[in-house]
Amino acid sequence: MYRVFKSLWFTKEEVDFVALREGAIIVKFGCLEDRSRILNLTPWLFDRCLFSMVPFENGKAIDTYEFWKAPFWLRVYNIPIELMDRQTALDIGNAIGELAAIDWKDRNGGVVELVDTDETETIGVFKYERLPDFCYECGKIGHTVKSCTINKESEVMSGLNPQFGSWLRAPIVSPNQDRSMRRNGVELVK
């Protein structure tokens, strides 16, 4: 795992991994710039499992870190053109959870796909970037439907109106594309 992350991160300085205890690793960056960049590009996945990263705070006990919380980039589709602005990004982000950052500038060079809605109400579609193993049955990260332990009262009922599905995943960016170039207007709001 360490070699994989080192090869993906392209840091200017050396990166060291120190096993702290079961399930907790300290990542020591050689420079603050590398650390900030890597933390801003979360979430990081290894073998489709979430590698949760939180910044170190001097004097804070390891048990008080919230490793169960992880930031995810959320793409919103089908927003009317006149509402594609910073304020809409802030409003949507604040409405769905704890907002950490926005990137409201168009990443596709100004190309906007128009969808014929047949005069129905426009609804934004949400898709998560780099979503790890995710159960479409119970909605939890960390396992898939095959290994879900939730009691399924009725297989027929669960399939009628599924709340979770593959539509929650944003298209995967090619590993050859430079991830640092994808975010062209990130604004930290936290």
Protein backbone atom coordinates (compact mmCIF):
# COMPACT_ATOMS: atom_id res chain seq x y z
CA MET A 1 0.00 0.00 0.00
CA TYR A 2 2.79 2.43 0.89
CA ARG A 3 4.48 2.04 -2.50
CA VAL A 4 1.17 2.60 -4.29
CA PHE A 5 0.42 5.87 -2.50
CA LYS A 6 3.99 7.12 -2.89
CA SER A 7 3.78 6.52 -6.63
CA LEU A 8 0.38 8.25 -6.92
CA TRP A 9 1.17 11.31 -4.86
CA PHE A 10 4.22 12.65 -6.75
CA THR A 11 5.51 14.52 -3.70
CA LYS A 12 8.41 16.95 -3.82
CA GLU A 13 9.86 15.57 -0.58
CA GLU A 14 10.01 12.10 0.97
CA VAL A 15 6.89 10.56 2.53
CA ASP A 16 7.13 8.13 5.45
CA PHE A 17 4.44 5.79 6.76
CA VAL A 18 4.50 4.79 10.44
CA ALA A 19 2.12 2.10 11.73
CA LEU A 20 0.67 3.54 14.92
CA ARG A 21 -1.71 0.72 15.80
CA GLU A 22 -4.20 -1.60 14.07
CA GLY A 23 -6.08 0.53 11.55
CA ALA A 24 -4.10 3.74 12.15
CA ILE A 25 -1.05 4.95 10.23
CA ILE A 26 0.81 8.22 10.54
CA VAL A 27 1.84 9.69 7.19
CA LYS A 28 4.80 12.06 7.54
CA PHE A 29 5.22 14.48 4.66
CA GLY A 30 8.56 16.15 3.96
CA CYS A 31 6.93 19.50 3.25
CA LEU A 32 3.71 21.28 4.14
CA GLU A 33 2.84 21.90 0.47
CA ASP A 34 2.76 18.15 -0.26
CA ARG A 35 0.64 17.52 2.85
CA SER A 36 -1.92 20.20 1.94
CA ARG A 37 -2.20 19.01 -1.66
CA ILE A 38 -2.70 15.35 -0.69
CA LEU A 39 -5.29 16.19 1.98
CA ASN A 40 -7.18 18.38 -0.51
CA LEU A 41 -7.35 15.52 -3.04
CA THR A 42 -9.17 13.13 -0.69
CA PRO A 43 -10.76 10.65 -0.61
CA TRP A 44 -7.97 8.17 -1.27
CA LEU A 45 -8.81 4.55 -1.99
CA PHE A 46 -6.70 1.43 -1.81
CA ASP A 47 -8.20 -1.72 -3.31
CA ARG A 48 -11.63 0.01 -3.27
CA CYS A 49 -11.31 0.60 0.49
CA LEU A 50 -11.31 4.08 1.99
CA PHE A 51 -7.96 5.35 3.28
CA SER A 52 -9.26 8.03 5.63
CA MET A 53 -6.83 10.90 6.23
CA VAL A 54 -7.16 13.62 8.84
CA PRO A 55 -4.61 16.33 9.63
CA PHE A 56 -2.46 15.80 12.72
CA GLU A 57 -3.17 18.07 15.68
CA ASN A 58 -0.46 18.41 18.31
CA GLY A 59 -1.59 17.10 21.70
CA LYS A 60 -4.76 15.43 20.40
CA ALA A 61 -5.37 11.82 21.51
CA ILE A 62 -5.61 9.25 18.68
CA ASP A 63 -9.00 8.05 19.96
CA THR A 64 -10.53 11.50 19.43
CA TYR A 65 -9.82 11.67 15.69
CA GLU A 66 -12.90 11.13 13.52
CA PHE A 67 -11.58 8.56 11.05
CA TRP A 68 -15.17 7.55 10.30
CA LYS A 69 -15.75 10.93 8.63
CA ALA A 70 -14.34 11.44 5.16
CA PRO A 71 -14.80 14.24 2.65
CA PHE A 72 -16.13 13.24 -0.78
CA TRP A 73 -16.37 15.37 -3.88
CA LEU A 74 -19.96 15.43 -5.04
CA ARG A 75 -20.87 16.29 -8.63
CA VAL A 76 -24.24 17.87 -9.25
CA TYR A 77 -25.80 17.47 -12.69
CA ASN A 78 -28.87 19.02 -14.37
CA ILE A 79 -28.63 22.39 -12.64
CA PRO A 80 -30.28 25.09 -14.78
CA ILE A 81 -27.64 27.19 -16.55
CA GLU A 82 -28.72 30.42 -14.85
CA LEU A 83 -28.05 28.80 -11.45
CA MET A 84 -24.54 27.52 -12.23
CA ASP A 85 -22.66 29.84 -9.90
CA ARG A 86 -20.78 30.01 -6.63
CA GLN A 87 -23.84 30.73 -4.49
CA THR A 88 -25.71 27.69 -5.82
CA ALA A 89 -22.68 25.50 -5.08
CA LEU A 90 -22.62 26.85 -1.51
CA ASP A 91 -26.38 26.43 -1.06
CA ILE A 92 -26.40 22.83 -2.32
CA GLY A 93 -23.32 21.89 -0.30
CA ASN A 94 -24.70 23.34 2.92
CA ALA A 95 -28.08 21.68 2.35
CA ILE A 96 -26.70 18.15 2.06
CA GLY A 97 -24.10 18.06 4.82
CA GLU A 98 -20.97 19.56 6.28
CA LEU A 99 -19.46 21.61 3.46
CA ALA A 100 -15.65 21.71 3.32
CA ALA A 101 -14.86 23.07 -0.17
CA ILE A 102 -16.45 23.88 -3.51
CA ASP A 103 -15.20 23.78 -7.08
CA TRP A 104 -17.95 25.51 -8.99
CA LYS A 105 -15.94 26.46 -12.08
CA ASP A 106 -16.71 24.39 -15.16
CA ARG A 107 -14.13 21.60 -15.56
CA ASN A 108 -15.14 20.82 -19.14
CA GLY A 109 -13.95 23.98 -20.85
CA GLY A 110 -17.40 25.57 -20.95
CA VAL A 111 -19.20 22.60 -22.46
CA VAL A 112 -22.67 22.19 -20.93
CA GLU A 113 -24.87 19.23 -21.77
CA LEU A 114 -28.52 20.21 -22.14
CA VAL A 115 -31.11 17.62 -21.21
CA ASP A 116 -34.67 17.64 -22.55
CA THR A 117 -36.85 17.41 -19.45
CA ASP A 118 -40.20 17.33 -21.30
CA GLU A 119 -41.44 20.22 -19.17
CA THR A 120 -40.98 18.27 -15.95
CA GLU A 121 -39.43 19.81 -12.87
CA THR A 122 -35.63 20.08 -13.06
CA ILE A 123 -33.98 18.01 -10.35
CA GLY A 124 -30.25 17.99 -9.70
CA VAL A 125 -28.58 14.60 -9.92
CA PHE A 126 -25.83 13.87 -7.38
CA LYS A 127 -22.87 11.59 -8.05
CA TYR A 128 -19.94 10.88 -5.73
CA GLU A 129 -16.36 10.84 -6.98
CA ARG A 130 -14.14 7.90 -5.96
CA LEU A 131 -16.78 6.18 -3.86
CA PRO A 132 -15.21 3.15 -2.12
CA ASP A 133 -16.92 -0.22 -1.58
CA PHE A 134 -20.50 0.76 -0.91
CA CYS A 135 -23.56 -1.33 -0.07
CA TYR A 136 -26.54 -0.55 -2.28
CA GLU A 137 -28.79 -2.36 0.22
CA CYS A 138 -28.06 -0.55 3.51
CA GLY A 139 -26.17 2.51 2.23
CA LYS A 140 -23.00 2.01 4.28
CA ILE A 141 -19.41 2.36 3.13
CA GLY A 142 -17.05 -0.56 3.73
CA HIS A 143 -18.89 -3.55 2.29
CA THR A 144 -20.99 -4.52 -0.74
CA VAL A 145 -24.45 -6.07 -1.08
CA LYS A 146 -22.95 -9.57 -1.18
CA SER A 147 -21.51 -9.23 2.31
CA CYS A 148 -24.30 -7.09 3.86
CA THR A 149 -25.55 -8.36 7.21
CA ILE A 150 -28.72 -6.25 7.28
CA ASN A 151 -31.82 -8.42 7.62
CA LYS A 152 -33.65 -8.30 4.29
CA GLU A 153 -37.34 -8.59 5.15
CA SER A 154 -38.43 -8.78 1.55
CA GLU A 155 -36.20 -9.18 -1.49
CA VAL A 156 -39.11 -8.09 -3.66
CA MET A 157 -39.71 -4.85 -1.75
CA SER A 158 -36.04 -3.86 -1.65
CA GLY A 159 -35.78 -4.05 -5.44
CA LEU A 160 -38.87 -2.00 -6.24
CA ASN A 161 -37.65 1.46 -5.31
CA PRO A 162 -33.96 1.22 -4.50
CA GLN A 163 -32.51 4.15 -2.59
CA PHE A 164 -28.91 3.35 -3.54
CA GLY A 165 -27.34 2.14 -6.76
CA SER A 166 -24.48 2.47 -9.20
CA TRP A 167 -25.94 5.78 -10.35
CA LEU A 168 -24.38 7.33 -7.21
CA ARG A 169 -20.90 6.90 -8.72
CA ALA A 170 -19.44 9.64 -10.90
CA PRO A 171 -17.55 8.44 -13.99
CA ILE A 172 -14.04 7.29 -13.12
CA VAL A 173 -11.19 9.51 -14.25
CA SER A 174 -8.37 7.70 -16.03
CA PRO A 175 -5.44 6.97 -13.69
CA ASN A 176 -3.15 8.58 -16.26
CA GLN A 177 -4.81 11.96 -15.86
CA ASP A 178 -3.13 14.32 -13.43
CA ARG A 179 -5.53 14.61 -10.48
CA SER A 180 -4.06 17.92 -9.38
CA MET A 181 -5.14 19.51 -12.66
CA ARG A 182 -8.78 18.45 -12.33
CA ARG A 183 -9.65 20.96 -9.64
CA ASN A 184 -9.38 24.38 -11.22
CA GLY A 185 -11.35 26.55 -8.82
CA VAL A 186 -11.28 24.96 -5.37
CA GLU A 187 -12.38 27.26 -2.59
CA LEU A 188 -12.11 26.02 1.00
CA VAL A 189 -15.21 27.08 2.93
CA LYS A 190 -14.68 25.26 6.22
